[in-house]
């Protein structure tokens, strides 16, 4: 009886050991499978991260067409870049030659130039314009700006847009033929800027080719007669005039400088003996130095709001007397105009 009991106990013990062994093998297998799955998942994650990093690196170093498509440049840096060489107006066929300048550290940065048709169009990058200089044929109303990017294509600096104006001086308005309803009042900002007299250029003989060409093309006057006519018209001792958007004038009269602030006093339409007409835009002194004239009157062949490219200026203390002056008209061009630019513009008049 005891023998049978011992045998039963041994059998039960063996069975228990076998079951425990099987359970241990299953758990080991399960743990191995879990470890293998975890290893595969980690490897897959690392591979994805490596691939993403590789793609990012390739994108940041890809200087192809896609990476240089900076159509959505930010305006936050506008004004950090200055555009030099821009003219107040151009003639048909002229070349716009610009240079972008900045005080920022360019480092490994690169430039892009953008254009758009007016202030409502979409900016488009100019193909091949990837240096600090820009050259293109002038297009009326086209806006141009320069943007400097760093090596990661972040904006370092951006210029304010400049707007191209084509003025060939060949319209009926320029010649003095227009309807009264086409006349509109103008703000002093149309003449804001730094200006210089053409009289020193006349005295130096720099403008002689203009009068030579006119004498050849027209039978009315000789070269000498043209010279005499323009000497009377251009003569002045005020070589430079600075005008702000707010109407402050600074006159540089020889070694003397005086200033005044002027406000709008309307306009007057003048009838000329030749049958054409002109419009004088009048501004009156509000405050300023004692030497400042009481009135200034602009004539620039425009009869409605438009940024002026050059102008004839009349000044004095008697408004009506100035309106009668038609022989003496000191003429001013932007201070950054070269001699050749002045000559080219006068040849179109």
Foldseek 3Di string as FASTA:
>chain_A
DVVVVVVVVVVVVVVVVVVVVVVVVVVVVVVVVVVVVVVVVVVVVVVVVVVVVVVVVCLLPDPDDVNPFPQPADCPQEPQKDKPQAAQAAAAFDKRKIFIDHPDDLVQKWKWKWKAQAPPGGTGTDPPPIHRMDIDGFDAQMKMKMFIAHSRRHTPHIYDIDTYHHDLCPDVLLVFDDDPVQFDAEAPQLEAAKKFFCLVVLVVVLQLVLLCVVVVVDVPDHSVRVSVQVNQAADFQFGMWHAHSQAKIWTCRPPDIWIFRWDWDAKDKAADPVGGIWIWTKIATPDIDPPAFGIKIWTQSDRYYDRGQKIWMFTHHDPVVSVPDDRYTTIIGHPPDDSVNVNVSSSSD
